[in-house]
């Protein structure tokens, strides 16, 4: 098989760069060689661009992906790139140009019978997945995993965390949120078909209860409605959540003293487990001689209990942060956003704290996350101020 300098060359108009950059990042993050002008700035500096681009689009790439739009039709450089790509396609008499349509503008040289992908009905992630199938030379059915192994961008903005009843996490970009006393309306932007499927599964589950977190808030809830619309060639999900407040706030077991350890200290131990992955044996406690019973009882309360078996519960057996790091270590900004949301979910839904005042996360080295935390406990008695939990520490991360 002929060797090419690039797996893919991207041809587009500057007005459509947002879509092209998303595809370029997916390709680069997953090990493909892609010709994208922003990645070639140093190489292009001082070159005769007319000659160099002719060579790239005619000879140096295995495939050319063209983003066709009204802007593309008007651009001289885009037409120059397309002419050279068409010359290559004519010489080899096989598919080389892979069109991606943003609108219905007719582009000279692109026959209406040529198969294309339409960004009004597919996502960039789906374009990437189909392109990987092309590059592999296999059928889609035989591909083991055409999905990207890296995320689109490392600093993607705000997210909402959704946590299913079986503990599965979904992190969806959050465009907008509105809340009243009983409902939350959000606009979410799924990044892949898997995101959309996960969201639908929450609506269709039998119990329908799940946890969610965004910004400094978290609650139990259920989905009342999902409306999917297309916006800027992507699917936007408008979701209405019914907030369930039954297991948030006062609970009998949250006020229990165990082995002489007051409830606020037990809550602090739970918070340190959530944020620092601190186990009971690391808490430096002096227990009685009957320490097996003491440890089992204390461990049960640290994990979190509810006075009712019929309400949603969240027990803390370990920190979720180290496992998240394994999944998102290549994108540290995204990892920190997700770690923060997971921590807030566990802190609030285990009745450990009611309000987060401060939660700072900073990677020191690849195996250590520095944590600074301050939060207010739920108020249990009207004549007493709620307690405050505050500490600094290091959460160990696996290599």
Protein backbone atom coordinates (compact mmCIF):
# COMPACT_ATOMS: atom_id res chain seq x y z
CA UNK A 1 0.00 0.00 0.00
CA UNK A 2 1.26 3.47 -0.89
CA UNK A 3 2.59 5.51 2.04
CA UNK A 4 1.19 9.02 2.49
CA UNK A 5 2.50 11.91 4.57
CA UNK A 6 -1.03 12.52 5.90
CA UNK A 7 -3.94 10.22 6.61
CA UNK A 8 -6.40 13.05 5.99
CA UNK A 9 -6.29 16.53 4.47
CA UNK A 10 -9.07 18.90 5.53
CA UNK A 11 -10.44 21.43 3.04
CA UNK A 12 -12.82 24.12 4.28
CA UNK A 13 -13.78 27.78 4.44
CA UNK A 14 -12.69 29.80 7.45
CA UNK A 15 -16.29 30.49 8.45
CA UNK A 16 -16.76 26.75 9.09
CA UNK A 17 -13.60 26.29 11.16
CA UNK A 18 -15.42 25.29 14.38
CA UNK A 19 -16.57 22.00 12.82
CA UNK A 20 -13.25 21.32 11.14
CA UNK A 21 -11.22 21.94 14.29
CA UNK A 22 -13.33 19.47 16.25
CA UNK A 23 -12.61 16.77 13.65
CA UNK A 24 -8.92 17.71 13.49
CA UNK A 25 -8.57 17.33 17.26
CA UNK A 26 -10.28 13.96 17.26
CA UNK A 27 -7.96 12.73 14.53
CA UNK A 28 -4.80 14.09 16.14
CA UNK A 29 -5.73 12.89 19.65
CA UNK A 30 -6.24 9.39 18.30
CA UNK A 31 -2.91 9.17 16.47
CA UNK A 32 -3.86 10.07 12.89
CA UNK A 33 -1.75 12.39 10.72
CA UNK A 34 -3.94 15.26 9.61
CA UNK A 35 -3.25 18.26 7.40
CA UNK A 36 -4.99 21.18 9.11
CA UNK A 37 -3.64 24.68 8.57
CA UNK A 38 -3.39 25.55 12.29
CA UNK A 39 -1.17 22.50 12.83
CA UNK A 40 1.07 23.46 9.90
CA UNK A 41 1.78 27.11 10.72
CA UNK A 42 5.56 26.73 11.02
CA UNK A 43 5.80 24.48 7.95
CA UNK A 44 3.72 26.86 5.82
CA UNK A 45 5.73 29.92 6.84
CA UNK A 46 7.58 31.28 3.80
CA UNK A 47 6.41 28.57 1.38
CA UNK A 48 4.82 29.19 -2.00
CA UNK A 49 1.34 28.25 -0.80
CA UNK A 50 -0.11 27.80 -4.26
CA UNK A 51 2.46 25.12 -5.14
CA UNK A 52 2.62 23.56 -1.68
CA UNK A 53 -1.15 23.19 -1.26
CA UNK A 54 -1.42 21.73 -4.76
CA UNK A 55 1.02 19.02 -3.69
CA UNK A 56 -0.75 18.33 -0.39
CA UNK A 57 -4.25 17.99 -1.79
CA UNK A 58 -3.19 16.08 -4.89
CA UNK A 59 -0.43 13.76 -3.68
CA UNK A 60 0.26 13.73 0.05
CA UNK A 61 -2.97 12.60 1.76
CA UNK A 62 -4.82 9.32 1.73
CA UNK A 63 -8.21 11.04 1.88
CA UNK A 64 -9.43 14.61 1.50
CA UNK A 65 -12.43 15.62 3.63
CA UNK A 66 -14.18 18.68 2.22
CA UNK A 67 -16.62 20.76 4.28
CA UNK A 68 -19.06 22.03 1.64
CA UNK A 69 -21.09 25.18 2.30
CA UNK A 70 -22.04 28.52 0.81
CA UNK A 71 -18.80 29.90 2.25
CA UNK A 72 -16.76 27.13 0.63
CA UNK A 73 -18.24 27.91 -2.79
CA UNK A 74 -16.98 31.52 -2.60
CA UNK A 75 -13.41 30.87 -1.40
CA UNK A 76 -10.58 30.93 -3.95
CA UNK A 77 -8.23 28.85 -1.82
CA UNK A 78 -10.92 26.27 -1.12
CA UNK A 79 -11.59 25.96 -4.84
CA UNK A 80 -7.84 25.59 -5.49
CA UNK A 81 -7.68 22.76 -2.94
CA UNK A 82 -10.75 21.08 -4.42
CA UNK A 83 -9.38 21.28 -7.99
CA UNK A 84 -6.22 19.43 -6.97
CA UNK A 85 -8.21 16.88 -5.00
CA UNK A 86 -10.44 16.32 -8.04
CA UNK A 87 -7.36 15.78 -10.23
CA UNK A 88 -6.19 13.07 -7.86
CA UNK A 89 -9.64 11.44 -7.79
CA UNK A 90 -9.78 11.47 -11.59
CA UNK A 91 -6.35 9.85 -11.93
CA UNK A 92 -7.03 7.07 -9.43
CA UNK A 93 -10.70 6.52 -10.32
CA UNK A 94 -11.66 5.80 -6.70
CA UNK A 95 -13.10 7.63 -3.73
CA UNK A 96 -10.58 10.15 -2.45
CA UNK A 97 -12.78 13.17 -1.80
CA UNK A 98 -15.10 12.62 1.20
CA UNK A 99 -17.70 15.43 1.24
CA UNK A 100 -19.29 16.71 4.44
CA UNK A 101 -22.22 19.03 3.76
CA UNK A 102 -23.19 21.94 5.98
CA UNK A 103 -25.94 23.17 3.64
CA UNK A 104 -27.34 22.50 0.16
CA UNK A 105 -25.04 24.80 -1.84
CA UNK A 106 -24.02 23.28 -5.18
CA UNK A 107 -20.26 22.97 -5.51
CA UNK A 108 -18.85 22.71 -9.06
CA UNK A 109 -17.17 19.35 -9.57
CA UNK A 110 -19.08 17.59 -6.77
CA UNK A 111 -21.73 15.52 -8.50
CA UNK A 112 -25.11 15.24 -6.75
CA UNK A 113 -24.75 11.45 -6.97
CA UNK A 114 -21.60 11.41 -4.80
CA UNK A 115 -22.25 10.07 -1.30
CA UNK A 116 -21.76 12.56 1.51
CA UNK A 117 -22.31 13.07 5.23
CA UNK A 118 -24.60 15.89 6.34
CA UNK A 119 -23.74 17.79 9.54
CA UNK A 120 -27.38 18.69 9.89
CA UNK A 121 -28.15 15.06 10.69
CA UNK A 122 -24.89 13.61 12.06
CA UNK A 123 -22.39 14.85 14.65
CA UNK A 124 -18.68 15.49 14.20
CA UNK A 125 -18.01 12.41 16.32
CA UNK A 126 -20.01 10.31 13.84
CA UNK A 127 -18.05 11.85 10.95
CA UNK A 128 -14.86 10.86 12.78
CA UNK A 129 -16.11 7.30 13.36
CA UNK A 130 -17.03 6.84 9.68
CA UNK A 131 -13.67 8.27 8.64
CA UNK A 132 -11.85 5.79 10.88
CA UNK A 133 -13.73 2.97 9.12
CA UNK A 134 -12.51 4.34 5.77
CA UNK A 135 -8.92 4.60 7.00
CA UNK A 136 -9.01 1.07 8.39
CA UNK A 137 -10.08 -0.42 5.08
CA UNK A 138 -12.67 -2.50 6.97
CA UNK A 139 -16.43 -2.57 7.12
CA UNK A 140 -18.08 -0.80 10.05
CA UNK A 141 -19.37 -4.14 11.35
CA UNK A 142 -15.83 -5.52 11.71
CA UNK A 143 -14.41 -2.49 13.50
CA UNK A 144 -13.87 -3.23 17.19
CA UNK A 145 -13.95 0.38 18.38
CA UNK A 146 -14.15 3.24 15.88
CA UNK A 147 -15.04 5.63 18.70
CA UNK A 148 -12.47 8.25 19.74
CA UNK A 149 -10.23 7.36 22.67
CA UNK A 150 -9.66 11.01 23.51
CA UNK A 151 -12.01 13.92 24.05
CA UNK A 152 -12.62 16.72 21.59
CA UNK A 153 -11.02 19.45 23.68
CA UNK A 154 -9.36 19.84 27.05
CA UNK A 155 -11.12 23.01 28.26
CA UNK A 156 -14.67 22.53 26.98
CA UNK A 157 -16.69 24.77 29.30
CA UNK A 158 -19.39 23.81 31.78
CA UNK A 159 -20.80 20.30 32.25
CA UNK A 160 -23.66 18.54 33.99
CA UNK A 161 -23.02 15.18 35.65
CA UNK A 162 -25.74 12.53 35.50
CA UNK A 163 -25.33 9.40 37.64
CA UNK A 164 -27.55 6.37 36.98
CA UNK A 165 -28.90 4.07 39.67
CA UNK A 166 -26.16 1.52 38.90
CA UNK A 167 -23.40 4.11 39.34
CA UNK A 168 -22.68 4.94 35.69
CA UNK A 169 -21.51 8.51 35.08
CA UNK A 170 -22.40 10.70 32.12
CA UNK A 171 -20.81 14.14 31.63
CA UNK A 172 -22.70 16.30 29.13
CA UNK A 173 -21.80 19.86 28.09
CA UNK A 174 -24.22 22.30 29.73
CA UNK A 175 -25.40 25.23 27.61
CA UNK A 176 -28.06 26.66 29.92
CA UNK A 177 -29.80 25.92 33.23
CA UNK A 178 -32.91 27.36 34.90
CA UNK A 179 -34.20 26.24 38.30
CA UNK A 180 -37.25 26.77 40.48
CA UNK A 181 -38.27 25.01 43.70
CA UNK A 182 -39.24 21.71 42.07
CA UNK A 183 -37.87 21.65 38.52
CA UNK A 184 -34.66 22.27 36.60
CA UNK A 185 -34.66 22.95 32.86
CA UNK A 186 -31.31 22.45 31.12
CA UNK A 187 -29.97 22.49 27.59
CA UNK A 188 -27.35 19.78 27.06
CA UNK A 189 -25.10 19.21 24.07
CA UNK A 190 -24.29 15.47 23.66
CA UNK A 191 -20.84 14.94 22.19
CA UNK A 192 -21.57 11.47 20.85
CA UNK A 193 -24.44 9.05 20.17
CA UNK A 194 -23.43 7.31 23.41
CA UNK A 195 -24.20 10.50 25.35
CA UNK A 196 -27.66 10.70 23.82
CA UNK A 197 -28.31 7.01 24.48
CA UNK A 198 -27.25 7.39 28.12
CA UNK A 199 -29.60 10.34 28.58
CA UNK A 200 -32.51 8.43 27.08
CA UNK A 201 -31.74 5.42 29.29
CA UNK A 202 -32.19 7.58 32.40
CA UNK A 203 -35.63 8.57 31.22
CA UNK A 204 -36.59 4.98 30.44
CA UNK A 205 -35.28 3.25 33.59
CA UNK A 206 -37.87 1.62 35.83
CA UNK A 207 -37.07 3.55 39.01
CA UNK A 208 -36.26 6.75 37.11
CA UNK A 209 -34.34 8.16 40.08
CA UNK A 210 -30.77 9.27 39.47
CA UNK A 211 -28.29 11.79 40.83
CA UNK A 212 -27.15 14.89 39.01
CA UNK A 213 -24.72 17.73 39.70
CA UNK A 214 -23.78 21.02 38.07
CA UNK A 215 -21.84 24.04 39.33
CA UNK A 216 -21.99 23.74 43.17
CA UNK A 217 -25.33 21.94 43.33
CA UNK A 218 -26.47 18.31 43.32
CA UNK A 219 -29.76 16.52 43.90
CA UNK A 220 -31.78 13.41 43.23
CA UNK A 221 -34.21 13.69 40.36
CA UNK A 222 -36.04 12.14 37.45
CA UNK A 223 -36.55 13.19 33.84
CA UNK A 224 -39.93 14.62 32.97
CA UNK A 225 -39.24 15.37 29.34
CA UNK A 226 -36.49 15.36 26.70
CA UNK A 227 -36.82 17.44 23.54
CA UNK A 228 -34.10 16.94 20.93
CA UNK A 229 -33.49 19.69 18.36
CA UNK A 230 -30.79 20.48 15.83
CA UNK A 231 -28.73 23.64 16.40
CA UNK A 232 -25.55 24.63 14.54
CA UNK A 233 -25.36 21.13 13.01
CA UNK A 234 -25.47 19.48 16.46
CA UNK A 235 -28.17 17.89 18.57
CA UNK A 236 -29.31 19.94 21.57
CA UNK A 237 -31.29 18.13 24.27
CA UNK A 238 -33.67 20.29 26.30
CA UNK A 239 -34.27 18.32 29.48
CA UNK A 240 -36.76 19.01 32.27
CA UNK A 241 -35.74 17.44 35.59
CA UNK A 242 -38.07 16.85 38.52
CA UNK A 243 -36.07 17.53 41.71
CA UNK A 244 -36.61 15.04 44.54
CA UNK A 245 -35.76 16.59 47.90
CA UNK A 246 -36.92 13.74 50.14
CA UNK A 247 -33.46 12.47 51.05
CA UNK A 248 -31.64 15.79 51.19
CA UNK A 249 -31.11 17.47 54.52
CA UNK A 250 -32.02 16.01 57.91
CA UNK A 251 -31.67 12.28 58.48
CA UNK A 252 -31.61 10.44 61.80
CA UNK A 253 -28.39 8.58 61.09
CA UNK A 254 -26.65 11.82 60.08
CA UNK A 255 -26.91 12.93 63.72
CA UNK A 256 -25.73 9.73 65.39
CA UNK A 257 -22.64 9.56 67.62
CA UNK A 258 -20.64 6.36 67.08
CA UNK A 259 -17.98 5.06 69.49
CA UNK A 260 -17.82 8.50 71.06
CA UNK A 261 -17.19 10.18 67.69
CA UNK A 262 -19.65 13.05 67.09
CA UNK A 263 -21.66 13.22 63.84
CA UNK A 264 -19.82 16.23 62.45
CA UNK A 265 -16.50 14.40 62.82
CA UNK A 266 -17.95 11.33 61.07
CA UNK A 267 -19.15 13.63 58.27
CA UNK A 268 -15.62 15.05 58.01
CA UNK A 269 -14.22 11.54 57.70
CA UNK A 270 -16.70 10.85 54.90
CA UNK A 271 -15.73 14.07 53.15
CA UNK A 272 -12.04 13.14 53.39
CA UNK A 273 -12.83 9.76 51.85
CA UNK A 274 -14.74 11.41 48.99
CA UNK A 275 -12.00 13.94 48.27
CA UNK A 276 -8.78 12.28 49.48
CA UNK A 277 -9.67 8.57 49.18
CA UNK A 278 -8.92 8.22 52.89
CA UNK A 279 -9.85 4.84 54.38
CA UNK A 280 -10.80 4.16 57.99
CA UNK A 281 -7.36 2.72 58.78
CA UNK A 282 -5.80 5.99 57.57
CA UNK A 283 -7.91 8.15 59.91
CA UNK A 284 -5.54 7.75 62.88
CA UNK A 285 -8.33 6.95 65.36
CA UNK A 286 -8.01 5.35 68.78
CA UNK A 287 -10.76 2.77 69.06
CA UNK A 288 -11.62 0.47 71.96
CA UNK A 289 -10.18 -3.02 72.48
CA UNK A 290 -13.23 -4.45 70.74
CA UNK A 291 -11.98 -2.75 67.62
CA UNK A 292 -13.48 -5.19 65.10
CA UNK A 293 -17.01 -4.24 66.17
CA UNK A 294 -16.02 -0.57 66.50
CA UNK A 295 -14.52 -0.44 63.03
CA UNK A 296 -17.43 -2.22 61.37
CA UNK A 297 -19.95 0.12 62.99
CA UNK A 298 -17.96 3.25 62.28
CA UNK A 299 -17.30 2.16 58.70
CA UNK A 300 -21.04 1.71 58.17
CA UNK A 301 -21.72 5.26 59.33
CA UNK A 302 -18.85 6.75 57.34
CA UNK A 303 -20.21 5.17 54.19
CA UNK A 304 -23.56 6.81 54.90
CA UNK A 305 -26.90 5.42 55.95
CA UNK A 306 -30.53 6.38 55.56
CA UNK A 307 -33.36 5.86 58.03
CA UNK A 308 -35.55 4.67 55.16
CA UNK A 309 -34.89 1.85 52.73
CA UNK A 310 -37.39 3.35 50.29
CA UNK A 311 -35.50 6.58 49.57
CA UNK A 312 -32.59 6.99 47.15
CA UNK A 313 -29.28 6.50 48.90
CA UNK A 314 -25.64 7.10 48.08
CA UNK A 315 -22.97 5.28 50.06
CA UNK A 316 -19.30 6.23 50.00
CA UNK A 317 -17.02 3.20 49.85
CA UNK A 318 -14.14 4.97 48.09
CA UNK A 319 -13.28 8.11 46.16
CA UNK A 320 -14.27 8.19 42.49
CA UNK A 321 -11.42 10.60 41.67
CA UNK A 322 -8.57 8.09 41.02
CA UNK A 323 -10.67 6.09 38.54
CA UNK A 324 -11.71 9.29 36.76
CA UNK A 325 -8.05 10.19 36.42
CA UNK A 326 -7.35 6.89 34.67
CA UNK A 327 -10.02 7.74 32.11
CA UNK A 328 -9.26 11.43 31.57
CA UNK A 329 -5.57 11.78 32.45
CA UNK A 330 -4.71 12.98 28.92
CA UNK A 331 -6.98 16.01 29.37
CA UNK A 332 -6.24 17.45 32.82
CA UNK A 333 -8.66 20.39 32.62
CA UNK A 334 -11.54 18.11 31.76
CA UNK A 335 -10.46 15.69 34.51
CA UNK A 336 -10.56 18.47 37.12
CA UNK A 337 -14.03 19.59 36.01
CA UNK A 338 -15.35 16.03 36.21
CA UNK A 339 -13.63 15.32 39.55
CA UNK A 340 -15.23 18.44 40.99
CA UNK A 341 -18.72 17.44 39.84
CA UNK A 342 -18.38 13.87 41.12
CA UNK A 343 -17.16 15.18 44.48
CA UNK A 344 -20.07 17.61 44.83
CA UNK A 345 -22.51 14.83 43.92
CA UNK A 346 -21.14 12.55 46.65
CA UNK A 347 -20.75 15.30 49.26
CA UNK A 348 -24.33 16.49 48.92
CA UNK A 349 -26.23 13.28 48.21
CA UNK A 350 -24.61 11.48 51.14
CA UNK A 351 -25.87 14.29 53.41
CA UNK A 352 -22.27 15.14 54.26
CA UNK A 353 -22.63 18.85 53.50
CA UNK A 354 -25.44 21.13 52.42
CA UNK A 355 -23.46 23.88 50.69
CA UNK A 356 -19.99 23.94 49.14
CA UNK A 357 -18.12 27.12 50.05
CA UNK A 358 -14.80 26.16 48.46
CA UNK A 359 -13.49 23.23 46.46
CA UNK A 360 -10.08 23.75 44.86
CA UNK A 361 -8.45 20.96 42.84
CA UNK A 362 -4.92 21.25 41.46
CA UNK A 363 -2.66 18.62 39.91
CA UNK A 364 0.76 18.77 41.58
CA UNK A 365 2.42 15.86 39.78
CA UNK A 366 0.86 13.09 37.66
CA UNK A 367 0.14 11.05 40.80
CA UNK A 368 -1.13 13.72 43.21
CA UNK A 369 -4.19 15.97 43.31
CA UNK A 370 -4.10 18.80 45.83
CA UNK A 371 -7.51 19.42 47.40
CA UNK A 372 -8.75 22.40 49.38
CA UNK A 373 -12.28 22.12 50.77
CA UNK A 374 -14.75 24.06 52.90
CA UNK A 375 -18.43 23.23 53.27
CA UNK A 376 -21.40 23.75 55.57
CA UNK A 377 -23.23 20.84 57.16
CA UNK A 378 -27.05 20.57 57.03
CA UNK A 379 -28.73 22.49 59.85
CA UNK A 380 -30.28 19.97 62.25
CA UNK A 381 -31.45 22.22 65.11
CA UNK A 382 -33.08 25.62 64.69
CA UNK A 383 -31.26 27.11 67.69
CA UNK A 384 -27.76 26.05 66.55
CA UNK A 385 -25.63 27.22 63.66
CA UNK A 386 -24.64 24.47 61.22
CA UNK A 387 -21.12 23.08 61.53
CA UNK A 388 -18.39 23.80 58.97
CA UNK A 389 -16.04 21.18 57.53
CA UNK A 390 -12.70 22.43 56.26
CA UNK A 391 -9.42 20.72 55.35
CA UNK A 392 -6.52 20.54 52.88
CA UNK A 393 -4.96 17.33 51.61
CA UNK A 394 -3.60 15.20 48.79
CA UNK A 395 -5.63 12.64 46.84
CA UNK A 396 -3.28 9.93 45.43
CA UNK A 397 -3.78 9.15 41.77
CA UNK A 398 -2.75 5.89 40.12
CA UNK A 399 -0.16 5.79 37.37
